[in-house]
Amino acid sequence: MNQDSSPHLMPAAWEVGRLVLAPEYRTGPEALKRCLFLTLAHLVDTLQIENLYATCTPVLSRLYRRFGFSVLVKDACQGEGGSYSLIHGDVPTVFRALAGSDRERELAESRLAMLRPN
């Protein structure tokens, strides 16, 4: 954080927005993890992306920590549903955390290798 307490802006930052799943596909955190992995794989292939941000409830921030995110600001804002936290994850950490199989880990590492400067 800067001395004025404003968050440091990071390069190639994108917001993780809303994910909507029909009730019949809401099978737990593994379904969310897979959706996020596939989305991030597509984003890495098509955009310059290095950092991810999101706002979420404290309950969801605990889930997102399992996916490589960390809480930047707890109780960043208040809404009708209560307080919301600001979370951040760098793409390599999140991509690796989302990879749920050997094949996905290989895929993540090959795509991350393409992002590194020669």
C-alpha atoms as a PDB file:
ATOM      1  CA  MET A   1       0.000   0.000   0.000  1.00  0.00           C
ATOM      2  CA  ASN A   2       1.083   3.561  -0.641  1.00  0.00           C
ATOM      3  CA  GLN A   3       1.466   6.029   2.192  1.00  0.00           C
ATOM      4  CA  ASP A   4      -1.926   7.488   1.290  1.00  0.00           C
ATOM      5  CA  SER A   5      -3.458   3.996   1.836  1.00  0.00           C
ATOM      6  CA  SER A   6      -4.630   3.655  -1.756  1.00  0.00           C
ATOM      7  CA  PRO A   7      -4.045   0.236  -3.289  1.00  0.00           C
ATOM      8  CA  HIS A   8      -1.066  -0.199  -5.570  1.00  0.00           C
ATOM      9  CA  LEU A   9      -2.205  -0.645  -9.165  1.00  0.00           C
ATOM     10  CA  MET A  10      -0.802  -3.784 -10.724  1.00  0.00           C
ATOM     11  CA  PRO A  11      -0.159  -4.336 -14.424  1.00  0.00           C
ATOM     12  CA  ALA A  12      -2.515  -6.249 -16.697  1.00  0.00           C
ATOM     13  CA  ALA A  13      -5.157  -6.484 -13.975  1.00  0.00           C
ATOM     14  CA  TRP A  14      -8.618  -7.889 -14.634  1.00  0.00           C
ATOM     15  CA  GLU A  15     -11.695  -8.208 -12.477  1.00  0.00           C
ATOM     16  CA  VAL A  16     -13.202 -11.616 -11.866  1.00  0.00           C
ATOM     17  CA  GLY A  17     -16.873 -10.866 -12.234  1.00  0.00           C
ATOM     18  CA  ARG A  18     -20.018 -12.811 -11.889  1.00  0.00           C
ATOM     19  CA  LEU A  19     -20.251 -16.514 -12.568  1.00  0.00           C
ATOM     20  CA  VAL A  20     -23.781 -17.774 -13.019  1.00  0.00           C
ATOM     21  CA  LEU A  21     -24.534 -21.494 -12.983  1.00  0.00           C
ATOM     22  CA  ALA A  22     -27.934 -23.114 -13.376  1.00  0.00           C
ATOM     23  CA  PRO A  23     -28.961 -24.898 -10.158  1.00  0.00           C
ATOM     24  CA  GLU A  24     -28.508 -28.341 -11.712  1.00  0.00           C
ATOM     25  CA  TYR A  25     -24.811 -27.564 -12.313  1.00  0.00           C
ATOM     26  CA  ARG A  26     -24.073 -26.269  -8.806  1.00  0.00           C
ATOM     27  CA  THR A  27     -22.319 -29.339  -7.537  1.00  0.00           C
ATOM     28  CA  GLY A  28     -19.833 -27.715  -5.167  1.00  0.00           C
ATOM     29  CA  PRO A  29     -16.450 -26.011  -5.172  1.00  0.00           C
ATOM     30  CA  GLU A  30     -14.954 -28.417  -7.719  1.00  0.00           C
ATOM     31  CA  ALA A  31     -17.391 -27.220 -10.404  1.00  0.00           C
ATOM     32  CA  LEU A  32     -16.465 -23.602  -9.654  1.00  0.00           C
ATOM     33  CA  LYS A  33     -12.768 -24.506  -9.696  1.00  0.00           C
ATOM     34  CA  ARG A  34     -13.119 -26.154 -13.118  1.00  0.00           C
ATOM     35  CA  CYS A  35     -15.077 -23.209 -14.567  1.00  0.00           C
ATOM     36  CA  LEU A  36     -12.460 -20.758 -13.305  1.00  0.00           C
ATOM     37  CA  PHE A  37      -9.621 -22.912 -14.675  1.00  0.00           C
ATOM     38  CA  LEU A  38     -11.166 -23.054 -18.157  1.00  0.00           C
ATOM     39  CA  THR A  39     -11.891 -19.323 -18.101  1.00  0.00           C
ATOM     40  CA  LEU A  40      -8.368 -18.439 -16.991  1.00  0.00           C
ATOM     41  CA  ALA A  41      -6.873 -20.743 -19.650  1.00  0.00           C
ATOM     42  CA  HIS A  42      -8.849 -18.856 -22.294  1.00  0.00           C
ATOM     43  CA  LEU A  43      -7.864 -15.454 -20.884  1.00  0.00           C
ATOM     44  CA  VAL A  44      -4.173 -16.370 -20.760  1.00  0.00           C
ATOM     45  CA  ASP A  45      -4.397 -17.408 -24.421  1.00  0.00           C
ATOM     46  CA  THR A  46      -6.146 -14.245 -25.586  1.00  0.00           C
ATOM     47  CA  LEU A  47      -5.207 -11.335 -23.297  1.00  0.00           C
ATOM     48  CA  GLN A  48      -2.330  -9.807 -21.443  1.00  0.00           C
ATOM     49  CA  ILE A  49      -3.299 -10.832 -17.937  1.00  0.00           C
ATOM     50  CA  GLU A  50      -1.110 -10.879 -14.848  1.00  0.00           C
ATOM     51  CA  ASN A  51      -3.396 -10.047 -11.921  1.00  0.00           C
ATOM     52  CA  LEU A  52      -6.950 -10.861 -10.911  1.00  0.00           C
ATOM     53  CA  TYR A  53      -9.203  -8.935  -8.539  1.00  0.00           C
ATOM     54  CA  ALA A  54     -12.676  -9.579  -7.193  1.00  0.00           C
ATOM     55  CA  THR A  55     -15.040  -8.479  -4.472  1.00  0.00           C
ATOM     56  CA  CYS A  56     -16.826 -11.165  -2.522  1.00  0.00           C
ATOM     57  CA  THR A  57     -18.384 -11.997   0.814  1.00  0.00           C
ATOM     58  CA  PRO A  58     -16.120 -13.177   3.635  1.00  0.00           C
ATOM     59  CA  VAL A  59     -17.428 -16.739   3.172  1.00  0.00           C
ATOM     60  CA  LEU A  60     -16.451 -16.729  -0.498  1.00  0.00           C
ATOM     61  CA  SER A  61     -13.084 -15.121   0.253  1.00  0.00           C
ATOM     62  CA  ARG A  62     -12.214 -18.258   2.253  1.00  0.00           C
ATOM     63  CA  LEU A  63     -13.098 -20.386  -0.777  1.00  0.00           C
ATOM     64  CA  TYR A  64     -11.098 -18.178  -3.145  1.00  0.00           C
ATOM     65  CA  ARG A  65      -8.035 -18.463  -0.884  1.00  0.00           C
ATOM     66  CA  ARG A  66      -8.044 -22.159  -1.810  1.00  0.00           C
ATOM     67  CA  PHE A  67      -7.823 -21.002  -5.439  1.00  0.00           C
ATOM     68  CA  GLY A  68      -4.714 -18.859  -4.885  1.00  0.00           C
ATOM     69  CA  PHE A  69      -6.303 -15.510  -4.014  1.00  0.00           C
ATOM     70  CA  SER A  70      -5.556 -13.459  -0.909  1.00  0.00           C
ATOM     71  CA  VAL A  71      -7.604 -10.826   0.865  1.00  0.00           C
ATOM     72  CA  LEU A  72      -6.329  -7.298   0.231  1.00  0.00           C
ATOM     73  CA  VAL A  73      -9.027  -5.407   2.108  1.00  0.00           C
ATOM     74  CA  LYS A  74     -11.465  -7.078   4.480  1.00  0.00           C
ATOM     75  CA  ASP A  75     -14.783  -5.217   4.744  1.00  0.00           C
ATOM     76  CA  ALA A  76     -13.893  -3.088   1.713  1.00  0.00           C
ATOM     77  CA  CYS A  77     -17.526  -2.105   1.249  1.00  0.00           C
ATOM     78  CA  GLN A  78     -20.993  -2.718   2.638  1.00  0.00           C
ATOM     79  CA  GLY A  79     -23.976  -3.866   0.610  1.00  0.00           C
ATOM     80  CA  GLU A  80     -27.438  -5.236   1.168  1.00  0.00           C
ATOM     81  CA  GLY A  81     -25.976  -8.683   1.769  1.00  0.00           C
ATOM     82  CA  GLY A  82     -23.391  -7.500   4.287  1.00  0.00           C
ATOM     83  CA  SER A  83     -19.727  -6.690   3.923  1.00  0.00           C
ATOM     84  CA  TYR A  84     -17.501  -7.467   0.960  1.00  0.00           C
ATOM     85  CA  SER A  85     -13.763  -8.082   0.759  1.00  0.00           C
ATOM     86  CA  LEU A  86     -11.389  -7.107  -2.034  1.00  0.00           C
ATOM     87  CA  ILE A  87      -9.292 -10.097  -3.082  1.00  0.00           C
ATOM     88  CA  HIS A  88      -6.296 -10.444  -5.411  1.00  0.00           C
ATOM     89  CA  GLY A  89      -4.420 -13.267  -7.078  1.00  0.00           C
ATOM     90  CA  ASP A  90      -1.476 -13.235  -9.458  1.00  0.00           C
ATOM     91  CA  VAL A  91      -2.142 -15.365 -12.540  1.00  0.00           C
ATOM     92  CA  PRO A  92       0.593 -17.999 -12.029  1.00  0.00           C
ATOM     93  CA  THR A  93      -0.465 -18.682  -8.437  1.00  0.00           C
ATOM     94  CA  VAL A  94      -4.177 -18.834  -9.275  1.00  0.00           C
ATOM     95  CA  PHE A  95      -3.683 -20.915 -12.433  1.00  0.00           C
ATOM     96  CA  ARG A  96      -1.609 -23.482 -10.543  1.00  0.00           C
ATOM     97  CA  ALA A  97      -4.083 -23.598  -7.645  1.00  0.00           C
ATOM     98  CA  LEU A  98      -7.000 -24.162 -10.022  1.00  0.00           C
ATOM     99  CA  ALA A  99      -5.307 -27.024 -11.884  1.00  0.00           C
ATOM    100  CA  GLY A 100      -7.063 -30.092 -10.491  1.00  0.00           C
ATOM    101  CA  SER A 101      -5.395 -32.884 -12.463  1.00  0.00           C
ATOM    102  CA  ASP A 102      -2.001 -33.767 -13.912  1.00  0.00           C
ATOM    103  CA  ARG A 103      -3.263 -32.806 -17.371  1.00  0.00           C
ATOM    104  CA  GLU A 104      -4.471 -29.414 -16.122  1.00  0.00           C
ATOM    105  CA  ARG A 105      -1.151 -28.810 -14.322  1.00  0.00           C
ATOM    106  CA  GLU A 106       0.736 -29.560 -17.564  1.00  0.00           C
ATOM    107  CA  LEU A 107      -1.599 -27.248 -19.475  1.00  0.00           C
ATOM    108  CA  ALA A 108      -1.193 -24.442 -16.927  1.00  0.00           C
ATOM    109  CA  GLU A 109       2.606 -24.733 -16.895  1.00  0.00           C
ATOM    110  CA  SER A 110       2.852 -24.748 -20.703  1.00  0.00           C
ATOM    111  CA  ARG A 111       0.680 -21.642 -20.968  1.00  0.00           C
ATOM    112  CA  LEU A 112       2.537 -19.880 -18.149  1.00  0.00           C
ATOM    113  CA  ALA A 113       5.865 -20.682 -19.861  1.00  0.00           C
ATOM    114  CA  MET A 114       4.642 -18.794 -22.938  1.00  0.00           C
ATOM    115  CA  LEU A 115       4.026 -15.705 -20.770  1.00  0.00           C
ATOM    116  CA  ARG A 116       7.578 -15.553 -19.437  1.00  0.00           C
ATOM    117  CA  PRO A 117      10.036 -13.335 -21.252  1.00  0.00           C
ATOM    118  CA  ASN A 118      12.835 -15.187 -23.069  1.00  0.00           C
END
